[in-house]
Amino acid sequence: MLTCFLLPGLIGTFASFSIPAPVVDEQHQRGALDAVLAARSPAAQQIAINNLPNAVDADTAAIVMHGGGGLAARVAAAKRNMRAEVLSQARDEAYRIRLMVITMTVLGALLGVTLLGPGRQ
């Protein structure tokens, strides 16, 4: 019976390690966007811009590469877009983790009831 209740707890513990994933993703994307503005030469800046599709989400890269206005304004708009996407990803991930822990808790309880069912004394 103890195993039936430890299982969801262990799954929840391991799932909690994936919670920071969107935040880490945001840090990497922000670094790539900052590299565009921090480039020391136009050639280096173009290399950083060309690397964006590999470093950030496609729509965030498109804002910088094909958006209107100055480069600083495009990068600022891309950062706002990236933050909104990361927030959405974090909420989705939190929902999935909660759903997984709840599901495994119910399944663990059902396993416990089955193991200690009415035929067992």
PDB file of N, CA and C in Angstrom:
ATOM      1  N   MET A   1       0.829  -1.193   0.000  1.00  0.00           N
ATOM      2  CA  MET A   1       0.000   0.000   0.000  1.00  0.00           C
ATOM      3  C   MET A   1       0.871   1.253   0.000  1.00  0.00           C
ATOM      4  N   LEU A   2       1.972   1.175   0.727  1.00  0.00           N
ATOM      5  CA  LEU A   2       2.876   2.315   0.784  1.00  0.00           C
ATOM      6  C   LEU A   2       3.401   2.664  -0.611  1.00  0.00           C
ATOM      7  N   THR A   3       3.699   1.642  -1.394  1.00  0.00           N
ATOM      8  CA  THR A   3       4.191   1.863  -2.755  1.00  0.00           C
ATOM      9  C   THR A   3       3.167   2.605  -3.592  1.00  0.00           C
ATOM     10  N   CYS A   4       1.910   2.339  -3.383  1.00  0.00           N
ATOM     11  CA  CYS A   4       0.856   2.994  -4.155  1.00  0.00           C
ATOM     12  C   CYS A   4       0.840   4.500  -3.919  1.00  0.00           C
ATOM     13  N   PHE A   5       1.237   4.927  -2.745  1.00  0.00           N
ATOM     14  CA  PHE A   5       1.257   6.353  -2.458  1.00  0.00           C
ATOM     15  C   PHE A   5       2.636   6.971  -2.714  1.00  0.00           C
ATOM     16  N   LEU A   6       3.685   6.175  -2.652  1.00  0.00           N
ATOM     17  CA  LEU A   6       5.016   6.696  -2.953  1.00  0.00           C
ATOM     18  C   LEU A   6       5.194   6.957  -4.443  1.00  0.00           C
ATOM     19  N   LEU A   7       4.554   6.143  -5.270  1.00  0.00           N
ATOM     20  CA  LEU A   7       4.695   6.283  -6.717  1.00  0.00           C
ATOM     21  C   LEU A   7       4.333   7.686  -7.215  1.00  0.00           C
ATOM     22  N   PRO A   8       3.146   8.215  -6.872  1.00  0.00           N
ATOM     23  CA  PRO A   8       2.837   9.567  -7.339  1.00  0.00           C
ATOM     24  C   PRO A   8       3.763  10.629  -6.751  1.00  0.00           C
ATOM     25  N   GLY A   9       4.186  10.434  -5.521  1.00  0.00           N
ATOM     26  CA  GLY A   9       5.103  11.390  -4.918  1.00  0.00           C
ATOM     27  C   GLY A   9       6.435  11.431  -5.645  1.00  0.00           C
ATOM     28  N   LEU A  10       6.933  10.267  -6.001  1.00  0.00           N
ATOM     29  CA  LEU A  10       8.190  10.220  -6.747  1.00  0.00           C
ATOM     30  C   LEU A  10       8.026  10.822  -8.137  1.00  0.00           C
ATOM     31  N   ILE A  11       6.917  10.541  -8.776  1.00  0.00           N
ATOM     32  CA  ILE A  11       6.673  11.104 -10.105  1.00  0.00           C
ATOM     33  C   ILE A  11       6.573  12.629 -10.013  1.00  0.00           C
ATOM     34  N   GLY A  12       5.893  13.120  -9.010  1.00  0.00           N
ATOM     35  CA  GLY A  12       5.795  14.561  -8.825  1.00  0.00           C
ATOM     36  C   GLY A  12       7.148  15.195  -8.551  1.00  0.00           C
ATOM     37  N   THR A  13       7.968  14.504  -7.782  1.00  0.00           N
ATOM     38  CA  THR A  13       9.304  15.020  -7.493  1.00  0.00           C
ATOM     39  C   THR A  13      10.129  15.114  -8.770  1.00  0.00           C
ATOM     40  N   PHE A  14      10.106  14.055  -9.568  1.00  0.00           N
ATOM     41  CA  PHE A  14      10.871  14.075 -10.810  1.00  0.00           C
ATOM     42  C   PHE A  14      10.278  15.072 -11.805  1.00  0.00           C
ATOM     43  N   ALA A  15       8.978  15.209 -11.824  1.00  0.00           N
ATOM     44  CA  ALA A  15       8.342  16.162 -12.730  1.00  0.00           C
ATOM     45  C   ALA A  15       8.712  17.597 -12.371  1.00  0.00           C
ATOM     46  N   SER A  16       8.948  17.849 -11.091  1.00  0.00           N
ATOM     47  CA  SER A  16       9.282  19.207 -10.672  1.00  0.00           C
ATOM     48  C   SER A  16      10.595  19.685 -11.283  1.00  0.00           C
ATOM     49  N   PHE A  17      11.431  18.769 -11.720  1.00  0.00           N
ATOM     50  CA  PHE A  17      12.681  19.173 -12.357  1.00  0.00           C
ATOM     51  C   PHE A  17      12.445  19.782 -13.730  1.00  0.00           C
ATOM     52  N   SER A  18      11.308  19.510 -14.356  1.00  0.00           N
ATOM     53  CA  SER A  18      11.044  20.085 -15.677  1.00  0.00           C
ATOM     54  C   SER A  18      10.368  21.456 -15.572  1.00  0.00           C
ATOM     55  N   ILE A  19       9.992  21.877 -14.392  1.00  0.00           N
ATOM     56  CA  ILE A  19       9.323  23.169 -14.229  1.00  0.00           C
ATOM     57  C   ILE A  19      10.197  24.337 -14.689  1.00  0.00           C
ATOM     58  N   PRO A  20      11.510  24.357 -14.388  1.00  0.00           N
ATOM     59  CA  PRO A  20      12.305  25.502 -14.834  1.00  0.00           C
ATOM     60  C   PRO A  20      12.625  25.510 -16.333  1.00  0.00           C
ATOM     61  N   ALA A  21      12.228  24.509 -17.085  1.00  0.00           N
ATOM     62  CA  ALA A  21      12.584  24.425 -18.506  1.00  0.00           C
ATOM     63  C   ALA A  21      12.195  25.682 -19.295  1.00  0.00           C
ATOM     64  N   PRO A  22      10.981  26.224 -19.167  1.00  0.00           N
ATOM     65  CA  PRO A  22      10.673  27.449 -19.912  1.00  0.00           C
ATOM     66  C   PRO A  22      11.537  28.638 -19.514  1.00  0.00           C
ATOM     67  N   VAL A  23      11.906  28.729 -18.253  1.00  0.00           N
ATOM     68  CA  VAL A  23      12.740  29.840 -17.794  1.00  0.00           C
ATOM     69  C   VAL A  23      14.142  29.729 -18.392  1.00  0.00           C
ATOM     70  N   VAL A  24      14.679  28.518 -18.429  1.00  0.00           N
ATOM     71  CA  VAL A  24      15.995  28.305 -19.037  1.00  0.00           C
ATOM     72  C   VAL A  24      15.924  28.624 -20.529  1.00  0.00           C
ATOM     73  N   ASP A  25      14.843  28.212 -21.174  1.00  0.00           N
ATOM     74  CA  ASP A  25      14.648  28.512 -22.585  1.00  0.00           C
ATOM     75  C   ASP A  25      14.622  30.027 -22.805  1.00  0.00           C
ATOM     76  N   GLU A  26      13.946  30.744 -21.923  1.00  0.00           N
ATOM     77  CA  GLU A  26      13.897  32.204 -22.037  1.00  0.00           C
ATOM     78  C   GLU A  26      15.281  32.821 -21.915  1.00  0.00           C
ATOM     79  N   GLN A  27      16.089  32.310 -21.011  1.00  0.00           N
ATOM     80  CA  GLN A  27      17.432  32.854 -20.839  1.00  0.00           C
ATOM     81  C   GLN A  27      18.274  32.663 -22.103  1.00  0.00           C
ATOM     82  N   HIS A  28      18.165  31.493 -22.725  1.00  0.00           N
ATOM     83  CA  HIS A  28      18.915  31.245 -23.958  1.00  0.00           C
ATOM     84  C   HIS A  28      18.426  32.155 -25.090  1.00  0.00           C
ATOM     85  N   GLN A  29      17.117  32.289 -25.202  1.00  0.00           N
ATOM     86  CA  GLN A  29      16.570  33.142 -26.256  1.00  0.00           C
ATOM     87  C   GLN A  29      16.943  34.605 -26.028  1.00  0.00           C
ATOM     88  N   ARG A  30      16.882  35.046 -24.786  1.00  0.00           N
ATOM     89  CA  ARG A  30      17.249  36.429 -24.478  1.00  0.00           C
ATOM     90  C   ARG A  30      18.712  36.680 -24.819  1.00  0.00           C
ATOM     91  N   GLY A  31      19.571  35.711 -24.539  1.00  0.00           N
ATOM     92  CA  GLY A  31      20.987  35.838 -24.876  1.00  0.00           C
ATOM     93  C   GLY A  31      21.204  35.993 -26.372  1.00  0.00           C
ATOM     94  N   ALA A  32      20.445  35.235 -27.158  1.00  0.00           N
ATOM     95  CA  ALA A  32      20.566  35.338 -28.617  1.00  0.00           C
ATOM     96  C   ALA A  32      20.073  36.692 -29.112  1.00  0.00           C
ATOM     97  N   LEU A  33      18.989  37.187 -28.521  1.00  0.00           N
ATOM     98  CA  LEU A  33      18.482  38.503 -28.925  1.00  0.00           C
ATOM     99  C   LEU A  33      19.428  39.626 -28.482  1.00  0.00           C
ATOM    100  N   ASP A  34      19.992  39.490 -27.294  1.00  0.00           N
ATOM    101  CA  ASP A  34      20.954  40.489 -26.824  1.00  0.00           C
ATOM    102  C   ASP A  34      22.213  40.498 -27.687  1.00  0.00           C
ATOM    103  N   ALA A  35      22.592  39.328 -28.200  1.00  0.00           N
ATOM    104  CA  ALA A  35      23.787  39.241 -29.051  1.00  0.00           C
ATOM    105  C   ALA A  35      23.612  40.048 -30.334  1.00  0.00           C
ATOM    106  N   VAL A  36      22.380  40.157 -30.805  1.00  0.00           N
ATOM    107  CA  VAL A  36      22.125  40.953 -32.010  1.00  0.00           C
ATOM    108  C   VAL A  36      22.459  42.415 -31.746  1.00  0.00           C
ATOM    109  N   LEU A  37      22.030  42.929 -30.616  1.00  0.00           N
ATOM    110  CA  LEU A  37      22.280  44.342 -30.297  1.00  0.00           C
ATOM    111  C   LEU A  37      23.721  44.592 -29.849  1.00  0.00           C
ATOM    112  N   ALA A  38      24.352  43.574 -29.274  1.00  0.00           N
ATOM    113  CA  ALA A  38      25.700  43.746 -28.734  1.00  0.00           C
ATOM    114  C   ALA A  38      26.796  43.524 -29.780  1.00  0.00           C
ATOM    115  N   ALA A  39      26.432  43.136 -30.987  1.00  0.00           N
ATOM    116  CA  ALA A  39      27.437  42.880 -32.025  1.00  0.00           C
ATOM    117  C   ALA A  39      28.236  44.148 -32.295  1.00  0.00           C
ATOM    118  N   ARG A  40      29.533  43.981 -32.486  1.00  0.00           N
ATOM    119  CA  ARG A  40      30.438  45.133 -32.627  1.00  0.00           C
ATOM    120  C   ARG A  40      30.549  45.650 -34.053  1.00  0.00           C
ATOM    121  N   SER A  41      30.125  44.852 -35.005  1.00  0.00           N
ATOM    122  CA  SER A  41      30.230  45.297 -36.403  1.00  0.00           C
ATOM    123  C   SER A  41      28.965  44.876 -37.149  1.00  0.00           C
ATOM    124  N   PRO A  42      28.671  45.516 -38.252  1.00  0.00           N
ATOM    125  CA  PRO A  42      27.496  45.112 -39.041  1.00  0.00           C
ATOM    126  C   PRO A  42      27.572  43.659 -39.503  1.00  0.00           C
ATOM    127  N   ALA A  43      28.775  43.182 -39.809  1.00  0.00           N
ATOM    128  CA  ALA A  43      28.921  41.781 -40.231  1.00  0.00           C
ATOM    129  C   ALA A  43      28.597  40.835 -39.076  1.00  0.00           C
ATOM    130  N   ALA A  44      29.095  41.162 -37.883  1.00  0.00           N
ATOM    131  CA  ALA A  44      28.807  40.330 -36.706  1.00  0.00           C
ATOM    132  C   ALA A  44      27.324  40.385 -36.360  1.00  0.00           C
ATOM    133  N   GLN A  45      26.736  41.548 -36.550  1.00  0.00           N
ATOM    134  CA  GLN A  45      25.306  41.692 -36.287  1.00  0.00           C
ATOM    135  C   GLN A  45      24.492  40.842 -37.262  1.00  0.00           C
ATOM    136  N   GLN A  46      24.888  40.828 -38.516  1.00  0.00           N
ATOM    137  CA  GLN A  46      24.178  40.020 -39.504  1.00  0.00           C
ATOM    138  C   GLN A  46      24.325  38.533 -39.204  1.00  0.00           C
ATOM    139  N   ILE A  47      25.484  38.117 -38.725  1.00  0.00           N
ATOM    140  CA  ILE A  47      25.689  36.715 -38.333  1.00  0.00           C
ATOM    141  C   ILE A  47      24.761  36.368 -37.166  1.00  0.00           C
ATOM    142  N   ALA A  48      24.668  37.276 -36.182  1.00  0.00           N
ATOM    143  CA  ALA A  48      23.782  37.035 -35.033  1.00  0.00           C
ATOM    144  C   ALA A  48      22.331  36.973 -35.475  1.00  0.00           C
ATOM    145  N   ILE A  49      21.940  37.827 -36.409  1.00  0.00           N
ATOM    146  CA  ILE A  49      20.564  37.807 -36.923  1.00  0.00           C
ATOM    147  C   ILE A  49      20.303  36.512 -37.686  1.00  0.00           C
ATOM    148  N   ASN A  50      21.269  36.096 -38.510  1.00  0.00           N
ATOM    149  CA  ASN A  50      21.103  34.856 -39.273  1.00  0.00           C
ATOM    150  C   ASN A  50      21.049  33.630 -38.375  1.00  0.00           C
ATOM    151  N   ASN A  51      21.621  33.714 -37.159  1.00  0.00           N
ATOM    152  CA  ASN A  51      21.606  32.597 -36.213  1.00  0.00           C
ATOM    153  C   ASN A  51      20.293  32.521 -35.422  1.00  0.00           C
ATOM    154  N   LEU A  52      19.495  33.564 -35.458  1.00  0.00           N
ATOM    155  CA  LEU A  52      18.263  33.593 -34.651  1.00  0.00           C
ATOM    156  C   LEU A  52      17.321  32.411 -34.897  1.00  0.00           C
ATOM    157  N   PRO A  53      17.094  31.971 -36.147  1.00  0.00           N
ATOM    158  CA  PRO A  53      16.184  30.837 -36.322  1.00  0.00           C
ATOM    159  C   PRO A  53      16.633  29.575 -35.582  1.00  0.00           C
ATOM    160  N   ASN A  54      17.926  29.449 -35.303  1.00  0.00           N
ATOM    161  CA  ASN A  54      18.435  28.300 -34.556  1.00  0.00           C
ATOM    162  C   ASN A  54      18.373  28.511 -33.044  1.00  0.00           C
ATOM    163  N   ALA A  55      18.247  29.764 -32.623  1.00  0.00           N
ATOM    164  CA  ALA A  55      18.350  30.078 -31.199  1.00  0.00           C
ATOM    165  C   ALA A  55      17.035  30.473 -30.544  1.00  0.00           C
ATOM    166  N   VAL A  56      16.071  30.950 -31.326  1.00  0.00           N
ATOM    167  CA  VAL A  56      14.793  31.395 -30.761  1.00  0.00           C
ATOM    168  C   VAL A  56      13.648  30.765 -31.542  1.00  0.00           C
ATOM    169  N   ASP A  57      12.435  30.972 -31.052  1.00  0.00           N
ATOM    170  CA  ASP A  57      11.258  30.480 -31.762  1.00  0.00           C
ATOM    171  C   ASP A  57      11.159  31.147 -33.131  1.00  0.00           C
ATOM    172  N   ALA A  58      10.505  30.458 -34.055  1.00  0.00           N
ATOM    173  CA  ALA A  58      10.424  30.947 -35.438  1.00  0.00           C
ATOM    174  C   ALA A  58       9.756  32.314 -35.531  1.00  0.00           C
ATOM    175  N   ASP A  59       8.666  32.519 -34.794  1.00  0.00           N
ATOM    176  CA  ASP A  59       7.986  33.812 -34.900  1.00  0.00           C
ATOM    177  C   ASP A  59       8.779  34.931 -34.242  1.00  0.00           C
ATOM    178  N   THR A  60       9.538  34.614 -33.192  1.00  0.00           N
ATOM    179  CA  THR A  60      10.399  35.606 -32.556  1.00  0.00           C
ATOM    180  C   THR A  60      11.524  36.008 -33.513  1.00  0.00           C
ATOM    181  N   ALA A  61      12.105  35.029 -34.184  1.00  0.00           N
ATOM    182  CA  ALA A  61      13.154  35.320 -35.165  1.00  0.00           C
ATOM    183  C   ALA A  61      12.598  36.145 -36.319  1.00  0.00           C
ATOM    184  N   ALA A  62      11.376  35.833 -36.744  1.00  0.00           N
ATOM    185  CA  ALA A  62      10.763  36.561 -37.864  1.00  0.00           C
ATOM    186  C   ALA A  62      10.537  38.025 -37.523  1.00  0.00           C
ATOM    187  N   ILE A  63      10.234  38.309 -36.269  1.00  0.00           N
ATOM    188  CA  ILE A  63      10.031  39.703 -35.864  1.00  0.00           C
ATOM    189  C   ILE A  63      11.314  40.504 -36.070  1.00  0.00           C
ATOM    190  N   VAL A  64      12.446  39.914 -35.691  1.00  0.00           N
ATOM    191  CA  VAL A  64      13.716  40.626 -35.840  1.00  0.00           C
ATOM    192  C   VAL A  64      14.132  40.676 -37.304  1.00  0.00           C
ATOM    193  N   MET A  65      13.972  39.572 -38.013  1.00  0.00           N
ATOM    194  CA  MET A  65      14.481  39.486 -39.378  1.00  0.00           C
ATOM    195  C   MET A  65      13.627  40.239 -40.396  1.00  0.00           C
ATOM    196  N   HIS A  66      12.315  40.239 -40.182  1.00  0.00           N
ATOM    197  CA  HIS A  66      11.420  40.784 -41.202  1.00  0.00           C
ATOM    198  C   HIS A  66      10.491  41.873 -40.692  1.00  0.00           C
ATOM    199  N   GLY A  67      10.624  42.245 -39.425  1.00  0.00           N
ATOM    200  CA  GLY A  67       9.730  43.249 -38.864  1.00  0.00           C
ATOM    201  C   GLY A  67      10.045  44.653 -39.367  1.00  0.00           C
ATOM    202  N   GLY A  68       9.169  45.562 -39.034  1.00  0.00           N
ATOM    203  CA  GLY A  68       9.356  46.949 -39.434  1.00  0.00           C
ATOM    204  C   GLY A  68       9.998  47.757 -38.327  1.00  0.00           C
ATOM    205  N   GLY A  69      10.566  48.879 -38.680  1.00  0.00           N
ATOM    206  CA  GLY A  69      11.181  49.760 -37.693  1.00  0.00           C
ATOM    207  C   GLY A  69      12.656  49.475 -37.540  1.00  0.00           C
ATOM    208  N   GLY A  70      13.251  50.164 -36.593  1.00  0.00           N
ATOM    209  CA  GLY A  70      14.675  50.000 -36.337  1.00  0.00           C
ATOM    210  C   GLY A  70      14.978  48.665 -35.679  1.00  0.00           C
ATOM    211  N   LEU A  71      16.248  48.310 -35.692  1.00  0.00           N
ATOM    212  CA  LEU A  71      16.661  47.024 -35.134  1.00  0.00           C
ATOM    213  C   LEU A  71      16.358  46.935 -33.642  1.00  0.00           C
ATOM    214  N   ALA A  72      16.624  47.991 -32.894  1.00  0.00           N
ATOM    215  CA  ALA A  72      16.362  47.972 -31.446  1.00  0.00           C
ATOM    216  C   ALA A  72      14.871  47.776 -31.169  1.00  0.00           C
ATOM    217  N   ALA A  73      14.010  48.408 -31.960  1.00  0.00           N
ATOM    218  CA  ALA A  73      12.561  48.250 -31.785  1.00  0.00           C
ATOM    219  C   ALA A  73      12.125  46.835 -32.133  1.00  0.00           C
ATOM    220  N   ARG A  74      12.727  46.266 -33.178  1.00  0.00           N
ATOM    221  CA  ARG A  74      12.376  44.891 -33.563  1.00  0.00           C
ATOM    222  C   ARG A  74      12.811  43.898 -32.492  1.00  0.00           C
ATOM    223  N   VAL A  75      14.000  44.104 -31.921  1.00  0.00           N
ATOM    224  CA  VAL A  75      14.480  43.211 -30.855  1.00  0.00           C
ATOM    225  C   VAL A  75      13.592  43.352 -29.621  1.00  0.00           C
ATOM    226  N   ALA A  76      13.192  44.582 -29.290  1.00  0.00           N
ATOM    227  CA  ALA A  76      12.297  44.786 -28.136  1.00  0.00           C
ATOM    228  C   ALA A  76      10.960  44.091 -28.364  1.00  0.00           C
ATOM    229  N   ALA A  77      10.427  44.186 -29.570  1.00  0.00           N
ATOM    230  CA  ALA A  77       9.164  43.496 -29.891  1.00  0.00           C
ATOM    231  C   ALA A  77       9.347  41.987 -29.828  1.00  0.00           C
ATOM    232  N   ALA A  78      10.489  41.501 -30.291  1.00  0.00           N
ATOM    233  CA  ALA A  78      10.763  40.063 -30.237  1.00  0.00           C
ATOM    234  C   ALA A  78      10.865  39.578 -28.792  1.00  0.00           C
ATOM    235  N   LYS A  79      11.463  40.400 -27.927  1.00  0.00           N
ATOM    236  CA  LYS A  79      11.559  40.019 -26.505  1.00  0.00           C
ATOM    237  C   LYS A  79      10.177  39.959 -25.863  1.00  0.00           C
ATOM    238  N   ARG A  80       9.323  40.905 -26.202  1.00  0.00           N
ATOM    239  CA  ARG A  80       7.947  40.866 -25.656  1.00  0.00           C
ATOM    240  C   ARG A  80       7.228  39.610 -26.137  1.00  0.00           C
ATOM    241  N   ASN A  81       7.375  39.286 -27.404  1.00  0.00           N
ATOM    242  CA  ASN A  81       6.755  38.084 -27.956  1.00  0.00           C
ATOM    243  C   ASN A  81       7.303  36.828 -27.274  1.00  0.00           C
ATOM    244  N   MET A  82       8.613  36.791 -27.081  1.00  0.00           N
ATOM    245  CA  MET A  82       9.249  35.637 -26.454  1.00  0.00           C
ATOM    246  C   MET A  82       8.764  35.458 -25.020  1.00  0.00           C
ATOM    247  N   ARG A  83       8.653  36.555 -24.281  1.00  0.00           N
ATOM    248  CA  ARG A  83       8.167  36.460 -22.887  1.00  0.00           C
ATOM    249  C   ARG A  83       6.741  35.925 -22.839  1.00  0.00           C
ATOM    250  N   ALA A  84       5.896  36.366 -23.752  1.00  0.00           N
ATOM    251  CA  ALA A  84       4.515  35.873 -23.791  1.00  0.00           C
ATOM    252  C   ALA A  84       4.481  34.380 -24.098  1.00  0.00           C
ATOM    253  N   GLU A  85       5.319  33.946 -25.021  1.00  0.00           N
ATOM    254  CA  GLU A  85       5.369  32.522 -25.353  1.00  0.00           C
ATOM    255  C   GLU A  85       5.900  31.685 -24.195  1.00  0.00           C
ATOM    256  N   VAL A  86       6.927  32.192 -23.510  1.00  0.00           N
ATOM    257  CA  VAL A  86       7.485  31.461 -22.374  1.00  0.00           C
ATOM    258  C   VAL A  86       6.457  31.351 -21.253  1.00  0.00           C
ATOM    259  N   LEU A  87       5.716  32.404 -21.006  1.00  0.00           N
ATOM    260  CA  LEU A  87       4.663  32.358 -19.992  1.00  0.00           C
ATOM    261  C   LEU A  87       3.612  31.317 -20.353  1.00  0.00           C
ATOM    262  N   SER A  88       3.217  31.280 -21.602  1.00  0.00           N
ATOM    263  CA  SER A  88       2.252  30.285 -22.063  1.00  0.00           C
ATOM    264  C   SER A  88       2.811  28.872 -21.911  1.00  0.00           C
ATOM    265  N   GLN A  89       4.080  28.680 -22.268  1.00  0.00           N
ATOM    266  CA  GLN A  89       4.709  27.366 -22.119  1.00  0.00           C
ATOM    267  C   GLN A  89       4.764  26.948 -20.660  1.00  0.00           C
ATOM    268  N   ALA A  90       5.087  27.883 -19.783  1.00  0.00           N
ATOM    269  CA  ALA A  90       5.173  27.573 -18.352  1.00  0.00           C
ATOM    270  C   ALA A  90       3.809  27.166 -17.802  1.00  0.00           C
ATOM    271  N   ARG A  91       2.770  27.870 -18.220  1.00  0.00           N
ATOM    272  CA  ARG A  91       1.421  27.513 -17.756  1.00  0.00           C
ATOM    273  C   ARG A  91       1.007  26.145 -18.278  1.00  0.00           C
ATOM    274  N   ASP A  92       1.300  25.867 -19.544  1.00  0.00           N
ATOM    275  CA  ASP A  92       0.969  24.555 -20.114  1.00  0.00           C
ATOM    276  C   ASP A  92       1.728  23.440 -19.408  1.00  0.00           C
ATOM    277  N   GLU A  93       3.006  23.676 -19.145  1.00  0.00           N
ATOM    278  CA  GLU A  93       3.820  22.669 -18.472  1.00  0.00           C
ATOM    279  C   GLU A  93       3.317  22.416 -17.054  1.00  0.00           C
ATOM    280  N   ALA A  94       2.971  23.470 -16.331  1.00  0.00           N
ATOM    281  CA  ALA A  94       2.458  23.306 -14.974  1.00  0.00           C
ATOM    282  C   ALA A  94       1.150  22.511 -14.977  1.00  0.00           C
ATOM    283  N   TYR A  95       0.288  22.788 -15.945  1.00  0.00           N
ATOM    284  CA  TYR A  95      -0.976  22.050 -16.051  1.00  0.00           C
ATOM    285  C   TYR A  95      -0.702  20.566 -16.300  1.00  0.00           C
ATOM    286  N   ARG A  96       0.212  20.263 -17.228  1.00  0.00           N
ATOM    287  CA  ARG A  96       0.511  18.857 -17.535  1.00  0.00           C
ATOM    288  C   ARG A  96       1.100  18.131 -16.331  1.00  0.00           C
ATOM    289  N   ILE A  97       1.972  18.828 -15.587  1.00  0.00           N
ATOM    290  CA  ILE A  97       2.573  18.196 -14.418  1.00  0.00           C
ATOM    291  C   ILE A  97       1.517  17.915 -13.361  1.00  0.00           C
ATOM    292  N   ARG A  98       0.640  18.870 -13.119  1.00  0.00           N
ATOM    293  CA  ARG A  98      -0.439  18.644 -12.144  1.00  0.00           C
ATOM    294  C   ARG A  98      -1.327  17.488 -12.583  1.00  0.00           C
ATOM    295  N   LEU A  99      -1.677  17.479 -13.858  1.00  0.00           N
ATOM    296  CA  LEU A  99      -2.521  16.404 -14.381  1.00  0.00           C
ATOM    297  C   LEU A  99      -1.840  15.052 -14.228  1.00  0.00           C
ATOM    298  N   MET A 100      -0.550  14.994 -14.493  1.00  0.00           N
ATOM    299  CA  MET A 100       0.181  13.743 -14.353  1.00  0.00           C
ATOM    300  C   MET A 100       0.210  13.277 -12.898  1.00  0.00           C
ATOM    301  N   VAL A 101       0.481  14.196 -11.978  1.00  0.00           N
ATOM    302  CA  VAL A 101       0.537  13.812 -10.566  1.00  0.00           C
ATOM    303  C   VAL A 101      -0.841  13.356 -10.077  1.00  0.00           C
ATOM    304  N   ILE A 102      -1.903  14.056 -10.460  1.00  0.00           N
ATOM    305  CA  ILE A 102      -3.251  13.663 -10.059  1.00  0.00           C
ATOM    306  C   ILE A 102      -3.599  12.291 -10.631  1.00  0.00           C
ATOM    307  N   THR A 103      -3.295  12.085 -11.907  1.00  0.00           N
ATOM    308  CA  THR A 103      -3.590  10.797 -12.545  1.00  0.00           C
ATOM    309  C   THR A 103      -2.848   9.661 -11.857  1.00  0.00           C
ATOM    310  N   MET A 104      -1.563   9.866 -11.592  1.00  0.00           N
ATOM    311  CA  MET A 104      -0.785   8.802 -10.953  1.00  0.00           C
ATOM    312  C   MET A 104      -1.237   8.565  -9.511  1.00  0.00           C
ATOM    313  N   THR A 105      -1.700   9.596  -8.827  1.00  0.00           N
ATOM    314  CA  THR A 105      -2.223   9.414  -7.471  1.00  0.00           C
ATOM    315  C   THR A 105      -3.481   8.556  -7.500  1.00  0.00           C
ATOM    316  N   VAL A 106      -4.387   8.851  -8.430  1.00  0.00           N
ATOM    317  CA  VAL A 106      -5.620   8.061  -8.546  1.00  0.00           C
ATOM    318  C   VAL A 106      -5.284   6.624  -8.927  1.00  0.00           C
ATOM    319  N   LEU A 107      -4.377   6.448  -9.891  1.00  0.00           N
ATOM    320  CA  LEU A 107      -4.001   5.092 -10.289  1.00  0.00           C
ATOM    321  C   LEU A 107      -3.326   4.344  -9.142  1.00  0.00           C
ATOM    322  N   GLY A 108      -2.473   5.054  -8.379  1.00  0.00           N
ATOM    323  CA  GLY A 108      -1.847   4.423  -7.223  1.00  0.00           C
ATOM    324  C   GLY A 108      -2.876   4.011  -6.177  1.00  0.00           C
ATOM    325  N   ALA A 109      -3.880   4.850  -5.956  1.00  0.00           N
ATOM    326  CA  ALA A 109      -4.942   4.514  -5.001  1.00  0.00           C
ATOM    327  C   ALA A 109      -5.743   3.309  -5.495  1.00  0.00           C
ATOM    328  N   LEU A 110      -6.033   3.273  -6.792  1.00  0.00           N
ATOM    329  CA  LEU A 110      -6.757   2.117  -7.342  1.00  0.00           C
ATOM    330  C   LEU A 110      -5.931   0.833  -7.213  1.00  0.00           C
ATOM    331  N   LEU A 111      -4.627   0.929  -7.427  1.00  0.00           N
ATOM    332  CA  LEU A 111      -3.764  -0.232  -7.235  1.00  0.00           C
ATOM    333  C   LEU A 111      -3.786  -0.673  -5.777  1.00  0.00           C
ATOM    334  N   GLY A 112      -3.753   0.288  -4.866  1.00  0.00           N
ATOM    335  CA  GLY A 112      -3.819  -0.046  -3.444  1.00  0.00           C
ATOM    336  C   GLY A 112      -5.125  -0.727  -3.071  1.00  0.00           C
ATOM    337  N   VAL A 113      -6.225  -0.225  -3.611  1.00  0.00           N
ATOM    338  CA  VAL A 113      -7.532  -0.843  -3.344  1.00  0.00           C
ATOM    339  C   VAL A 113      -7.561  -2.254  -3.920  1.00  0.00           C
ATOM    340  N   THR A 114      -6.978  -2.419  -5.099  1.00  0.00           N
ATOM    341  CA  THR A 114      -6.937  -3.746  -5.721  1.00  0.00           C
ATOM    342  C   THR A 114      -6.094  -4.707  -4.896  1.00  0.00           C
ATOM    343  N   LEU A 115      -4.956  -4.247  -4.418  1.00  0.00           N
ATOM    344  CA  LEU A 115      -4.081  -5.110  -3.614  1.00  0.00           C
ATOM    345  C   LEU A 115      -4.706  -5.458  -2.272  1.00  0.00           C
ATOM    346  N   LEU A 116      -5.447  -4.538  -1.698  1.00  0.00           N
ATOM    347  CA  LEU A 116      -6.077  -4.778  -0.398  1.00  0.00           C
ATOM    348  C   LEU A 116      -7.572  -4.951  -0.525  1.00  0.00           C
ATOM    349  N   GLY A 117      -8.026  -5.439  -1.678  1.00  0.00           N
ATOM    350  CA  GLY A 117      -9.455  -5.564  -1.985  1.00  0.00           C
ATOM    351  C   GLY A 117     -10.241  -6.388  -1.002  1.00  0.00           C
ATOM    352  N   PRO A 118     -11.535  -6.543  -1.287  1.00  0.00           N
ATOM    353  CA  PRO A 118     -12.444  -7.201  -0.361  1.00  0.00           C
ATOM    354  C   PRO A 118     -12.122  -8.658  -0.093  1.00  0.00           C
ATOM    355  N   GLY A 119     -11.433  -9.337  -0.982  1.00  0.00           N
ATOM    356  CA  GLY A 119     -11.100 -10.751  -0.782  1.00  0.00           C
ATOM    357  C   GLY A 119      -9.893 -10.958   0.121  1.00  0.00           C
ATOM    358  N   ARG A 120      -9.217  -9.902   0.498  1.00  0.00           N
ATOM    359  CA  ARG A 120      -7.985  -9.998   1.293  1.00  0.00           C
ATOM    360  C   ARG A 120      -8.278  -9.615   2.760  1.00  0.00           C
ATOM    361  N   GLN A 121      -7.720 -10.391   3.655  1.00  0.00           N
ATOM    362  CA  GLN A 121      -7.927 -10.080   5.069  1.00  0.00           C
ATOM    363  C   GLN A 121      -6.668 -10.276   5.853  1.00  0.00           C
TER     364      GLN A 121
END
